[in-house]
């Protein structure tokens, strides 16, 4: 049985994917901060969401810089 060739890598929008995850963490943070007013939330829950949102912002920045660097080298087609 012959081995088939590897498929080409998919072109995905990394910035949009990371931004969506960051937005989810931010929504969780807002919800937990509102629930914090009732006193029913443990401290580490909203802190975890804050850390997720902050790391997500770093991820968005990283993905944008990576995409820009790859575009400058001509390795990535610009969709815009």
C-alpha atoms as a PDB file:
ATOM      1  CA  UNK A   1       0.000   0.000   0.000  1.00  0.00           C
ATOM      2  CA  UNK A   2       1.457   3.333  -1.071  1.00  0.00           C
ATOM      3  CA  UNK A   3       1.482   6.270   1.251  1.00  0.00           C
ATOM      4  CA  UNK A   4      -0.609   9.186   0.087  1.00  0.00           C
ATOM      5  CA  UNK A   5       1.025  12.632   0.094  1.00  0.00           C
ATOM      6  CA  UNK A   6       0.412  14.900   3.070  1.00  0.00           C
ATOM      7  CA  UNK A   7      -2.375  17.423   2.608  1.00  0.00           C
ATOM      8  CA  UNK A   8      -1.563  21.102   2.354  1.00  0.00           C
ATOM      9  CA  UNK A   9      -1.869  23.043   5.624  1.00  0.00           C
ATOM     10  CA  UNK A  10      -5.122  24.917   6.099  1.00  0.00           C
ATOM     11  CA  UNK A  11      -5.076  28.694   6.017  1.00  0.00           C
ATOM     12  CA  UNK A  12      -6.904  29.926   9.102  1.00  0.00           C
ATOM     13  CA  UNK A  13      -7.309  33.330  10.672  1.00  0.00           C
ATOM     14  CA  UNK A  14      -5.342  32.870  13.891  1.00  0.00           C
ATOM     15  CA  UNK A  15      -6.094  36.401  15.054  1.00  0.00           C
ATOM     16  CA  UNK A  16      -9.858  35.825  14.888  1.00  0.00           C
ATOM     17  CA  UNK A  17      -9.613  32.513  16.724  1.00  0.00           C
ATOM     18  CA  UNK A  18      -7.495  33.927  19.547  1.00  0.00           C
ATOM     19  CA  UNK A  19      -9.672  37.058  19.719  1.00  0.00           C
ATOM     20  CA  UNK A  20     -12.797  34.902  20.098  1.00  0.00           C
ATOM     21  CA  UNK A  21     -11.222  33.009  22.994  1.00  0.00           C
ATOM     22  CA  UNK A  22     -10.130  36.272  24.582  1.00  0.00           C
ATOM     23  CA  UNK A  23     -13.653  37.643  24.252  1.00  0.00           C
ATOM     24  CA  UNK A  24     -15.019  34.536  25.954  1.00  0.00           C
ATOM     25  CA  UNK A  25     -12.660  35.065  28.901  1.00  0.00           C
ATOM     26  CA  UNK A  26     -13.663  38.741  29.044  1.00  0.00           C
ATOM     27  CA  UNK A  27     -17.379  37.873  29.075  1.00  0.00           C
ATOM     28  CA  UNK A  28     -16.744  35.386  31.864  1.00  0.00           C
ATOM     29  CA  UNK A  29     -14.871  38.058  33.788  1.00  0.00           C
ATOM     30  CA  UNK A  30     -17.742  40.544  33.489  1.00  0.00           C
ATOM     31  CA  UNK A  31     -20.301  37.940  34.540  1.00  0.00           C
ATOM     32  CA  UNK A  32     -18.245  36.888  37.548  1.00  0.00           C
ATOM     33  CA  UNK A  33     -17.587  40.469  38.608  1.00  0.00           C
ATOM     34  CA  UNK A  34     -21.335  41.113  38.567  1.00  0.00           C
ATOM     35  CA  UNK A  35     -21.902  37.931  40.574  1.00  0.00           C
ATOM     36  CA  UNK A  36     -19.168  39.058  42.953  1.00  0.00           C
ATOM     37  CA  UNK A  37     -21.591  41.743  44.136  1.00  0.00           C
ATOM     38  CA  UNK A  38     -23.844  38.985  45.475  1.00  0.00           C
ATOM     39  CA  UNK A  39     -20.937  37.313  47.254  1.00  0.00           C
ATOM     40  CA  UNK A  40     -21.570  33.902  45.644  1.00  0.00           C
ATOM     41  CA  UNK A  41     -18.300  33.747  43.716  1.00  0.00           C
ATOM     42  CA  UNK A  42     -14.944  32.493  44.890  1.00  0.00           C
ATOM     43  CA  UNK A  43     -12.080  34.937  44.438  1.00  0.00           C
ATOM     44  CA  UNK A  44     -10.013  32.759  42.133  1.00  0.00           C
ATOM     45  CA  UNK A  45     -12.793  32.369  39.558  1.00  0.00           C
ATOM     46  CA  UNK A  46     -12.773  35.979  38.387  1.00  0.00           C
ATOM     47  CA  UNK A  47      -8.984  36.097  38.733  1.00  0.00           C
ATOM     48  CA  UNK A  48      -8.730  33.128  36.376  1.00  0.00           C
ATOM     49  CA  UNK A  49     -10.902  34.933  33.825  1.00  0.00           C
ATOM     50  CA  UNK A  50      -8.775  38.081  34.179  1.00  0.00           C
ATOM     51  CA  UNK A  51      -5.618  36.047  33.564  1.00  0.00           C
ATOM     52  CA  UNK A  52      -7.217  34.346  30.537  1.00  0.00           C
ATOM     53  CA  UNK A  53      -8.252  37.686  29.042  1.00  0.00           C
ATOM     54  CA  UNK A  54      -4.818  39.222  29.653  1.00  0.00           C
ATOM     55  CA  UNK A  55      -2.995  36.257  28.113  1.00  0.00           C
ATOM     56  CA  UNK A  56      -5.455  36.315  25.235  1.00  0.00           C
ATOM     57  CA  UNK A  57      -4.558  39.939  24.504  1.00  0.00           C
ATOM     58  CA  UNK A  58      -0.905  38.935  24.396  1.00  0.00           C
ATOM     59  CA  UNK A  59      -1.862  36.086  22.050  1.00  0.00           C
ATOM     60  CA  UNK A  60      -3.709  38.442  19.706  1.00  0.00           C
ATOM     61  CA  UNK A  61      -0.677  40.716  19.598  1.00  0.00           C
ATOM     62  CA  UNK A  62       1.615  37.763  18.914  1.00  0.00           C
ATOM     63  CA  UNK A  63      -0.611  36.443  16.109  1.00  0.00           C
ATOM     64  CA  UNK A  64      -0.836  39.872  14.473  1.00  0.00           C
ATOM     65  CA  UNK A  65       2.953  40.306  14.586  1.00  0.00           C
ATOM     66  CA  UNK A  66       3.476  36.775  13.227  1.00  0.00           C
ATOM     67  CA  UNK A  67       1.023  37.333  10.384  1.00  0.00           C
ATOM     68  CA  UNK A  68       2.687  40.638   9.515  1.00  0.00           C
ATOM     69  CA  UNK A  69       6.146  39.034   9.517  1.00  0.00           C
ATOM     70  CA  UNK A  70       5.002  36.149   7.310  1.00  0.00           C
ATOM     71  CA  UNK A  71       3.326  38.584   4.912  1.00  0.00           C
ATOM     72  CA  UNK A  72       6.524  40.608   4.646  1.00  0.00           C
ATOM     73  CA  UNK A  73       8.414  37.441   3.693  1.00  0.00           C
ATOM     74  CA  UNK A  74       5.799  36.516   1.128  1.00  0.00           C
ATOM     75  CA  UNK A  75       5.006  33.222   2.837  1.00  0.00           C
ATOM     76  CA  UNK A  76       1.380  34.080   3.484  1.00  0.00           C
ATOM     77  CA  UNK A  77      -1.299  35.278   1.109  1.00  0.00           C
ATOM     78  CA  UNK A  78      -3.054  38.390   2.265  1.00  0.00           C
ATOM     79  CA  UNK A  79      -6.820  37.955   2.364  1.00  0.00           C
ATOM     80  CA  UNK A  80      -7.510  41.653   2.850  1.00  0.00           C
END
